Amino acid sequence: MRDANEFKKTKLDQLHALCRAKGLPLTVQRTVIMDALAARTDHPTADEIYEEVKPLLTGVSRTTVYRVLEAFVAHGLVQKIGSSAAKAHFDADVARHHHLECIRCGAISDIPHCEAYDIPLPSSEGNRHQVLDYAIHFRGVCARCRFAGQDPPEESA
């Protein structure tokens, strides 16, 4: 489990370093959007981020939020996760990890470490492709839907 405050600080530090290195302005919009995304673990859509930052950024447009998120993706600060509903979700955690898309509610959540993390990358020897990384997108039922109306079992340590 990640420390939320430390994670937010790290992501904001990465944003500052990127802006310095690339000569990009460190705008209030970029800072507030990164702060909002880094504080979440629910893999929000751009529209959800827009609704969250709208009260904090007078006059911000939905287009600005989309552009900032896409710029974050292009610079490797954020990852974009596709869904069967054709809505992109965003995750500030760019370390290799896998996701589950709930077939009932559509939520996207992280899958804790499992055997799928240990799949070796395919060799590029004799192959036209060079695989650099991977992420697995599972489809199933999230804990909230699976245990709706009942207490979920205790997680083992």
N, C-alpha and C. Protein backbone atom coordinates (compact mmCIF):
# COMPACT_ATOMS: atom_id res chain seq x y z
N MET A 1 0.85 -1.19 0.00
CA MET A 1 0.00 0.00 0.00
C MET A 1 0.89 1.24 0.00
N ARG A 2 0.60 2.18 -0.86
CA ARG A 2 1.45 3.36 -0.97
C ARG A 2 1.02 4.44 0.03
N ASP A 3 2.00 5.23 0.47
CA ASP A 3 1.72 6.37 1.32
C ASP A 3 1.22 7.49 0.42
N ALA A 4 -0.04 7.91 0.60
CA ALA A 4 -0.70 8.86 -0.31
C ALA A 4 0.02 10.21 -0.35
N ASN A 5 0.41 10.74 0.79
CA ASN A 5 1.06 12.05 0.82
C ASN A 5 2.43 12.00 0.15
N GLU A 6 3.18 10.95 0.42
CA GLU A 6 4.51 10.80 -0.18
C GLU A 6 4.38 10.62 -1.70
N PHE A 7 3.39 9.85 -2.13
CA PHE A 7 3.18 9.63 -3.56
C PHE A 7 2.84 10.96 -4.26
N LYS A 8 1.93 11.75 -3.67
CA LYS A 8 1.58 13.05 -4.25
C LYS A 8 2.80 13.95 -4.35
N LYS A 9 3.61 13.99 -3.29
CA LYS A 9 4.81 14.82 -3.29
C LYS A 9 5.76 14.38 -4.40
N THR A 10 5.95 13.08 -4.54
CA THR A 10 6.84 12.54 -5.57
C THR A 10 6.34 12.92 -6.96
N LYS A 11 5.04 12.78 -7.21
CA LYS A 11 4.49 13.10 -8.53
C LYS A 11 4.62 14.60 -8.83
N LEU A 12 4.41 15.45 -7.83
CA LEU A 12 4.57 16.89 -8.04
C LEU A 12 6.04 17.24 -8.28
N ASP A 13 6.95 16.57 -7.56
CA ASP A 13 8.38 16.77 -7.80
C ASP A 13 8.76 16.36 -9.21
N GLN A 14 8.19 15.24 -9.68
CA GLN A 14 8.47 14.78 -11.05
C GLN A 14 7.94 15.79 -12.08
N LEU A 15 6.79 16.36 -11.82
CA LEU A 15 6.22 17.37 -12.72
C LEU A 15 7.14 18.60 -12.76
N HIS A 16 7.58 19.06 -11.62
CA HIS A 16 8.47 20.22 -11.56
C HIS A 16 9.76 19.94 -12.33
N ALA A 17 10.34 18.75 -12.11
CA ALA A 17 11.59 18.39 -12.79
C ALA A 17 11.39 18.31 -14.30
N LEU A 18 10.28 17.75 -14.72
CA LEU A 18 10.00 17.65 -16.15
C LEU A 18 9.87 19.03 -16.78
N CYS A 19 9.13 19.91 -16.14
CA CYS A 19 8.95 21.26 -16.67
C CYS A 19 10.28 21.99 -16.77
N ARG A 20 11.13 21.85 -15.75
CA ARG A 20 12.46 22.47 -15.80
C ARG A 20 13.28 21.89 -16.95
N ALA A 21 13.31 20.56 -17.06
CA ALA A 21 14.14 19.89 -18.06
C ALA A 21 13.68 20.20 -19.49
N LYS A 22 12.38 20.32 -19.69
CA LYS A 22 11.84 20.54 -21.04
C LYS A 22 11.57 22.01 -21.34
N GLY A 23 11.81 22.88 -20.37
CA GLY A 23 11.54 24.30 -20.57
C GLY A 23 10.06 24.62 -20.69
N LEU A 24 9.25 23.80 -20.03
CA LEU A 24 7.80 24.01 -20.05
C LEU A 24 7.38 24.87 -18.87
N PRO A 25 6.38 25.72 -19.06
CA PRO A 25 5.90 26.48 -17.91
C PRO A 25 5.22 25.56 -16.89
N LEU A 26 5.52 25.78 -15.63
CA LEU A 26 4.86 25.03 -14.56
C LEU A 26 3.60 25.80 -14.20
N THR A 27 2.51 25.47 -14.86
CA THR A 27 1.27 26.24 -14.69
C THR A 27 0.48 25.75 -13.48
N VAL A 28 -0.38 26.61 -13.02
CA VAL A 28 -1.29 26.25 -11.93
C VAL A 28 -2.16 25.08 -12.36
N GLN A 29 -2.62 25.10 -13.62
CA GLN A 29 -3.47 24.03 -14.13
C GLN A 29 -2.75 22.68 -14.05
N ARG A 30 -1.51 22.63 -14.52
CA ARG A 30 -0.76 21.37 -14.47
C ARG A 30 -0.57 20.90 -13.04
N THR A 31 -0.25 21.81 -12.16
CA THR A 31 -0.02 21.45 -10.76
C THR A 31 -1.28 20.93 -10.10
N VAL A 32 -2.39 21.62 -10.28
CA VAL A 32 -3.65 21.22 -9.63
C VAL A 32 -4.15 19.90 -10.21
N ILE A 33 -4.03 19.71 -11.51
CA ILE A 33 -4.49 18.46 -12.14
C ILE A 33 -3.63 17.29 -11.67
N MET A 34 -2.32 17.46 -11.61
CA MET A 34 -1.46 16.38 -11.12
C MET A 34 -1.76 16.09 -9.66
N ASP A 35 -1.94 17.11 -8.85
CA ASP A 35 -2.26 16.93 -7.44
C ASP A 35 -3.56 16.12 -7.29
N ALA A 36 -4.56 16.48 -8.07
CA ALA A 36 -5.86 15.78 -8.00
C ALA A 36 -5.72 14.33 -8.42
N LEU A 37 -5.00 14.08 -9.50
CA LEU A 37 -4.86 12.71 -9.99
C LEU A 37 -4.01 11.87 -9.04
N ALA A 38 -2.92 12.42 -8.55
CA ALA A 38 -2.03 11.67 -7.66
C ALA A 38 -2.68 11.33 -6.33
N ALA A 39 -3.71 12.07 -5.95
CA ALA A 39 -4.40 11.81 -4.68
C ALA A 39 -5.40 10.66 -4.80
N ARG A 40 -5.64 10.21 -6.02
CA ARG A 40 -6.68 9.20 -6.24
C ARG A 40 -6.08 7.84 -6.57
N THR A 41 -6.81 6.80 -6.19
CA THR A 41 -6.42 5.44 -6.54
C THR A 41 -7.50 4.75 -7.37
N ASP A 42 -8.52 5.51 -7.78
CA ASP A 42 -9.66 4.91 -8.47
C ASP A 42 -9.60 5.04 -9.98
N HIS A 43 -8.50 5.51 -10.54
CA HIS A 43 -8.31 5.58 -11.98
C HIS A 43 -9.42 6.37 -12.67
N PRO A 44 -9.50 7.67 -12.38
CA PRO A 44 -10.60 8.48 -12.88
C PRO A 44 -10.49 8.76 -14.39
N THR A 45 -11.61 9.14 -14.98
CA THR A 45 -11.63 9.61 -16.36
C THR A 45 -11.25 11.10 -16.35
N ALA A 46 -10.99 11.64 -17.53
CA ALA A 46 -10.69 13.07 -17.64
C ALA A 46 -11.88 13.89 -17.14
N ASP A 47 -13.10 13.44 -17.43
CA ASP A 47 -14.29 14.16 -16.97
C ASP A 47 -14.36 14.20 -15.44
N GLU A 48 -13.99 13.11 -14.80
CA GLU A 48 -14.01 13.08 -13.33
C GLU A 48 -12.95 14.03 -12.75
N ILE A 49 -11.79 14.07 -13.37
CA ILE A 49 -10.76 15.02 -12.93
C ILE A 49 -11.25 16.45 -13.15
N TYR A 50 -11.86 16.69 -14.30
CA TYR A 50 -12.39 18.03 -14.60
C TYR A 50 -13.38 18.47 -13.52
N GLU A 51 -14.30 17.60 -13.15
CA GLU A 51 -15.29 17.94 -12.11
C GLU A 51 -14.62 18.24 -10.78
N GLU A 52 -13.52 17.55 -10.50
CA GLU A 52 -12.82 17.77 -9.23
C GLU A 52 -12.05 19.09 -9.21
N VAL A 53 -11.43 19.45 -10.34
CA VAL A 53 -10.58 20.65 -10.34
C VAL A 53 -11.34 21.92 -10.73
N LYS A 54 -12.52 21.77 -11.30
CA LYS A 54 -13.30 22.94 -11.74
C LYS A 54 -13.50 23.96 -10.62
N PRO A 55 -13.84 23.56 -9.40
CA PRO A 55 -13.99 24.57 -8.34
C PRO A 55 -12.67 25.21 -7.91
N LEU A 56 -11.55 24.56 -8.22
CA LEU A 56 -10.25 25.07 -7.80
C LEU A 56 -9.59 25.97 -8.85
N LEU A 57 -10.00 25.82 -10.09
CA LEU A 57 -9.38 26.55 -11.20
C LEU A 57 -10.44 27.37 -11.92
N THR A 58 -10.57 28.60 -11.57
CA THR A 58 -11.58 29.47 -12.17
C THR A 58 -11.42 29.49 -13.69
N GLY A 59 -12.49 29.17 -14.39
CA GLY A 59 -12.49 29.24 -15.85
C GLY A 59 -11.80 28.10 -16.56
N VAL A 60 -11.38 27.05 -15.85
CA VAL A 60 -10.73 25.93 -16.52
C VAL A 60 -11.74 25.24 -17.44
N SER A 61 -11.28 24.82 -18.59
CA SER A 61 -12.17 24.12 -19.53
C SER A 61 -11.89 22.63 -19.49
N ARG A 62 -12.86 21.89 -19.93
CA ARG A 62 -12.72 20.43 -20.05
C ARG A 62 -11.56 20.12 -21.01
N THR A 63 -11.45 20.91 -22.08
CA THR A 63 -10.38 20.72 -23.06
C THR A 63 -9.01 20.88 -22.43
N THR A 64 -8.85 21.86 -21.54
CA THR A 64 -7.57 22.06 -20.86
C THR A 64 -7.21 20.82 -20.05
N VAL A 65 -8.17 20.27 -19.33
CA VAL A 65 -7.91 19.08 -18.52
C VAL A 65 -7.49 17.93 -19.42
N TYR A 66 -8.19 17.72 -20.53
CA TYR A 66 -7.83 16.66 -21.47
C TYR A 66 -6.41 16.87 -22.00
N ARG A 67 -6.09 18.08 -22.41
CA ARG A 67 -4.76 18.36 -22.96
C ARG A 67 -3.65 18.14 -21.94
N VAL A 68 -3.89 18.59 -20.71
CA VAL A 68 -2.88 18.42 -19.66
C VAL A 68 -2.67 16.93 -19.38
N LEU A 69 -3.75 16.17 -19.27
CA LEU A 69 -3.61 14.73 -19.02
C LEU A 69 -2.88 14.03 -20.16
N GLU A 70 -3.20 14.39 -21.39
CA GLU A 70 -2.52 13.79 -22.55
C GLU A 70 -1.04 14.17 -22.56
N ALA A 71 -0.71 15.40 -22.17
CA ALA A 71 0.69 15.80 -22.08
C ALA A 71 1.41 14.99 -21.00
N PHE A 72 0.74 14.76 -19.88
CA PHE A 72 1.33 13.93 -18.82
C PHE A 72 1.62 12.53 -19.35
N VAL A 73 0.69 11.97 -20.11
CA VAL A 73 0.87 10.63 -20.69
C VAL A 73 2.06 10.65 -21.64
N ALA A 74 2.11 11.65 -22.52
CA ALA A 74 3.19 11.75 -23.52
C ALA A 74 4.56 11.84 -22.87
N HIS A 75 4.63 12.45 -21.68
CA HIS A 75 5.91 12.61 -20.99
C HIS A 75 6.17 11.52 -19.95
N GLY A 76 5.30 10.53 -19.88
CA GLY A 76 5.52 9.40 -18.99
C GLY A 76 5.22 9.64 -17.53
N LEU A 77 4.50 10.73 -17.22
CA LEU A 77 4.15 11.00 -15.82
C LEU A 77 2.91 10.24 -15.37
N VAL A 78 2.08 9.88 -16.34
CA VAL A 78 0.78 9.28 -16.08
C VAL A 78 0.56 8.19 -17.12
N GLN A 79 -0.20 7.18 -16.77
CA GLN A 79 -0.57 6.20 -17.79
C GLN A 79 -2.05 6.28 -18.09
N LYS A 80 -2.37 6.00 -19.34
CA LYS A 80 -3.75 6.00 -19.81
C LYS A 80 -4.18 4.54 -19.89
N ILE A 81 -5.35 4.26 -19.33
CA ILE A 81 -5.86 2.90 -19.29
C ILE A 81 -7.16 2.87 -20.08
N GLY A 82 -7.22 2.02 -21.08
CA GLY A 82 -8.44 1.87 -21.87
C GLY A 82 -9.46 1.05 -21.11
N SER A 83 -10.71 1.18 -21.50
CA SER A 83 -11.77 0.38 -20.89
C SER A 83 -12.72 -0.07 -21.98
N SER A 84 -13.52 -1.07 -21.68
CA SER A 84 -14.46 -1.57 -22.68
C SER A 84 -15.54 -0.54 -22.98
N ALA A 85 -15.72 0.44 -22.10
CA ALA A 85 -16.70 1.51 -22.33
C ALA A 85 -16.12 2.60 -23.23
N ALA A 86 -14.91 2.39 -23.73
CA ALA A 86 -14.22 3.33 -24.63
C ALA A 86 -13.93 4.67 -23.97
N LYS A 87 -13.89 4.70 -22.66
CA LYS A 87 -13.48 5.90 -21.93
C LYS A 87 -12.10 5.66 -21.37
N ALA A 88 -11.22 6.61 -21.59
CA ALA A 88 -9.88 6.49 -21.05
C ALA A 88 -9.91 6.84 -19.56
N HIS A 89 -9.18 6.07 -18.80
CA HIS A 89 -8.98 6.34 -17.38
C HIS A 89 -7.51 6.66 -17.20
N PHE A 90 -7.18 7.39 -16.14
CA PHE A 90 -5.82 7.83 -15.94
C PHE A 90 -5.31 7.37 -14.58
N ASP A 91 -4.02 7.07 -14.53
CA ASP A 91 -3.39 6.56 -13.32
C ASP A 91 -2.04 7.25 -13.17
N ALA A 92 -1.82 7.89 -12.05
CA ALA A 92 -0.55 8.58 -11.81
C ALA A 92 0.57 7.60 -11.49
N ASP A 93 0.23 6.36 -11.16
CA ASP A 93 1.23 5.35 -10.85
C ASP A 93 1.67 4.68 -12.16
N VAL A 94 2.87 5.01 -12.61
CA VAL A 94 3.35 4.46 -13.89
C VAL A 94 4.25 3.23 -13.71
N ALA A 95 4.45 2.80 -12.46
CA ALA A 95 5.20 1.57 -12.23
C ALA A 95 4.36 0.40 -12.76
N ARG A 96 5.05 -0.66 -13.19
CA ARG A 96 4.31 -1.81 -13.73
C ARG A 96 3.33 -2.34 -12.68
N HIS A 97 2.09 -2.34 -13.04
CA HIS A 97 1.05 -2.99 -12.24
C HIS A 97 -0.13 -3.25 -13.15
N HIS A 98 -0.98 -4.15 -12.73
CA HIS A 98 -2.08 -4.59 -13.56
C HIS A 98 -3.41 -4.08 -13.01
N HIS A 99 -4.42 -4.11 -13.86
CA HIS A 99 -5.72 -3.56 -13.50
C HIS A 99 -6.83 -4.57 -13.73
N LEU A 100 -7.90 -4.39 -12.97
CA LEU A 100 -9.12 -5.15 -13.16
C LEU A 100 -10.22 -4.17 -13.52
N GLU A 101 -10.93 -4.47 -14.61
CA GLU A 101 -12.09 -3.68 -14.99
C GLU A 101 -13.33 -4.47 -14.58
N CYS A 102 -14.16 -3.87 -13.74
CA CYS A 102 -15.36 -4.55 -13.25
C CYS A 102 -16.41 -4.60 -14.35
N ILE A 103 -16.91 -5.80 -14.63
CA ILE A 103 -17.92 -5.96 -15.68
C ILE A 103 -19.30 -5.52 -15.22
N ARG A 104 -19.45 -5.24 -13.92
CA ARG A 104 -20.75 -4.78 -13.41
C ARG A 104 -20.81 -3.26 -13.34
N CYS A 105 -19.84 -2.64 -12.67
CA CYS A 105 -19.91 -1.18 -12.46
C CYS A 105 -18.95 -0.39 -13.34
N GLY A 106 -18.01 -1.07 -14.01
CA GLY A 106 -17.07 -0.39 -14.89
C GLY A 106 -15.86 0.21 -14.19
N ALA A 107 -15.77 0.07 -12.88
CA ALA A 107 -14.63 0.62 -12.13
C ALA A 107 -13.34 -0.09 -12.54
N ILE A 108 -12.26 0.65 -12.50
CA ILE A 108 -10.94 0.08 -12.77
C ILE A 108 -10.15 0.17 -11.48
N SER A 109 -9.57 -0.95 -11.07
CA SER A 109 -8.81 -0.97 -9.82
C SER A 109 -7.51 -1.73 -10.03
N ASP A 110 -6.56 -1.45 -9.16
CA ASP A 110 -5.27 -2.13 -9.22
C ASP A 110 -5.41 -3.57 -8.75
N ILE A 111 -4.65 -4.44 -9.39
CA ILE A 111 -4.54 -5.83 -8.94
C ILE A 111 -3.25 -5.89 -8.12
N PRO A 112 -3.34 -6.32 -6.87
CA PRO A 112 -2.11 -6.43 -6.08
C PRO A 112 -1.16 -7.44 -6.71
N HIS A 113 0.06 -7.42 -6.26
CA HIS A 113 1.10 -8.30 -6.82
C HIS A 113 0.57 -9.73 -6.96
N CYS A 114 0.78 -10.29 -8.14
CA CYS A 114 0.37 -11.67 -8.40
C CYS A 114 1.40 -12.29 -9.35
N GLU A 115 1.18 -13.55 -9.72
CA GLU A 115 2.12 -14.25 -10.58
C GLU A 115 2.34 -13.53 -11.91
N ALA A 116 1.36 -12.79 -12.37
CA ALA A 116 1.45 -12.10 -13.66
C ALA A 116 2.54 -11.02 -13.66
N TYR A 117 3.00 -10.60 -12.49
CA TYR A 117 4.08 -9.61 -12.42
C TYR A 117 5.42 -10.22 -12.81
N ASP A 118 5.50 -11.53 -12.76
CA ASP A 118 6.78 -12.21 -12.97
C ASP A 118 6.93 -12.81 -14.37
N ILE A 119 6.05 -12.45 -15.29
CA ILE A 119 6.16 -12.95 -16.66
C ILE A 119 7.41 -12.32 -17.29
N PRO A 120 8.30 -13.15 -17.82
CA PRO A 120 9.49 -12.57 -18.45
C PRO A 120 9.13 -11.88 -19.77
N LEU A 121 9.85 -10.83 -20.10
CA LEU A 121 9.64 -10.16 -21.37
C LEU A 121 10.13 -11.05 -22.50
N PRO A 122 9.40 -11.08 -23.62
CA PRO A 122 9.85 -11.88 -24.75
C PRO A 122 11.20 -11.38 -25.27
N SER A 123 12.03 -12.29 -25.68
CA SER A 123 13.34 -11.94 -26.22
C SER A 123 13.17 -11.27 -27.57
N SER A 124 13.99 -10.28 -27.84
CA SER A 124 13.93 -9.63 -29.15
C SER A 124 14.81 -10.37 -30.16
N GLU A 125 15.54 -11.37 -29.69
CA GLU A 125 16.40 -12.15 -30.58
C GLU A 125 15.53 -12.95 -31.56
N GLY A 126 15.76 -12.74 -32.84
CA GLY A 126 14.98 -13.43 -33.87
C GLY A 126 13.56 -12.90 -33.99
N ASN A 127 13.28 -11.76 -33.40
CA ASN A 127 11.93 -11.19 -33.40
C ASN A 127 12.04 -9.76 -33.91
N ARG A 128 11.10 -9.35 -34.74
CA ARG A 128 11.12 -7.97 -35.23
C ARG A 128 10.78 -6.98 -34.13
N HIS A 129 10.09 -7.44 -33.13
CA HIS A 129 9.62 -6.54 -32.07
C HIS A 129 10.60 -6.55 -30.89
N GLN A 130 10.57 -5.48 -30.15
CA GLN A 130 11.31 -5.42 -28.90
C GLN A 130 10.33 -4.99 -27.82
N VAL A 131 9.94 -5.91 -26.97
CA VAL A 131 9.00 -5.62 -25.89
C VAL A 131 9.77 -4.98 -24.75
N LEU A 132 9.31 -3.82 -24.32
CA LEU A 132 9.97 -3.08 -23.24
C LEU A 132 9.27 -3.22 -21.90
N ASP A 133 7.98 -3.44 -21.93
CA ASP A 133 7.21 -3.55 -20.69
C ASP A 133 5.86 -4.17 -21.03
N TYR A 134 5.06 -4.42 -20.03
CA TYR A 134 3.73 -4.95 -20.26
C TYR A 134 2.82 -4.58 -19.09
N ALA A 135 1.54 -4.60 -19.36
CA ALA A 135 0.52 -4.45 -18.33
C ALA A 135 -0.64 -5.34 -18.72
N ILE A 136 -1.24 -5.97 -17.77
CA ILE A 136 -2.34 -6.89 -18.04
C ILE A 136 -3.64 -6.25 -17.56
N HIS A 137 -4.65 -6.34 -18.40
CA HIS A 137 -5.96 -5.77 -18.12
C HIS A 137 -6.92 -6.95 -17.90
N PHE A 138 -7.25 -7.19 -16.64
CA PHE A 138 -8.17 -8.26 -16.29
C PHE A 138 -9.60 -7.74 -16.33
N ARG A 139 -10.54 -8.58 -16.63
CA ARG A 139 -11.96 -8.24 -16.54
C ARG A 139 -12.57 -9.19 -15.54
N GLY A 140 -13.39 -8.66 -14.64
CA GLY A 140 -14.01 -9.49 -13.62
C GLY A 140 -14.95 -8.64 -12.79
N VAL A 141 -15.10 -9.00 -11.54
CA VAL A 141 -16.02 -8.30 -10.64
C VAL A 141 -15.20 -7.71 -9.49
N CYS A 142 -15.35 -6.39 -9.29
CA CYS A 142 -14.60 -5.73 -8.22
C CYS A 142 -15.14 -6.17 -6.85
N ALA A 143 -14.37 -5.90 -5.81
CA ALA A 143 -14.76 -6.29 -4.45
C ALA A 143 -16.07 -5.64 -4.04
N ARG A 144 -16.27 -4.37 -4.41
CA ARG A 144 -17.50 -3.68 -4.01
C ARG A 144 -18.72 -4.37 -4.60
N CYS A 145 -18.66 -4.75 -5.87
CA CYS A 145 -19.79 -5.43 -6.49
C CYS A 145 -19.91 -6.88 -6.01
N ARG A 146 -18.78 -7.53 -5.85
CA ARG A 146 -18.79 -8.93 -5.45
C ARG A 146 -19.40 -9.12 -4.08
N PHE A 147 -19.14 -8.18 -3.18
CA PHE A 147 -19.62 -8.32 -1.81
C PHE A 147 -20.72 -7.31 -1.48
N ALA A 148 -21.43 -6.84 -2.49
CA ALA A 148 -22.50 -5.86 -2.27
C ALA A 148 -23.50 -6.40 -1.26
N GLY A 149 -23.77 -5.62 -0.23
CA GLY A 149 -24.74 -6.02 0.78
C GLY A 149 -24.19 -6.96 1.83
N GLN A 150 -22.92 -7.29 1.75
CA GLN A 150 -22.32 -8.15 2.76
C GLN A 150 -20.91 -7.67 3.05
N ASP A 151 -20.38 -8.10 4.17
CA ASP A 151 -19.02 -7.70 4.53
C ASP A 151 -18.03 -8.58 3.76
N PRO A 152 -17.06 -7.94 3.06
CA PRO A 152 -16.04 -8.74 2.38
C PRO A 152 -15.19 -9.48 3.40
N PRO A 153 -14.63 -10.61 3.02
CA PRO A 153 -13.75 -11.33 3.95
C PRO A 153 -12.52 -10.50 4.28
N GLU A 154 -11.97 -10.73 5.44
CA GLU A 154 -10.74 -10.04 5.86
C GLU A 154 -9.61 -10.40 4.92
N GLU A 155 -8.77 -9.40 4.58
CA GLU A 155 -7.60 -9.67 3.75
C GLU A 155 -6.54 -10.30 4.61
N SER A 156 -5.86 -11.31 4.04
CA SER A 156 -4.77 -11.93 4.79
C SER A 156 -3.50 -11.12 4.59
N ALA A 157 -2.69 -11.08 5.60
CA ALA A 157 -1.45 -10.28 5.54
C ALA A 157 -0.34 -11.00 4.87
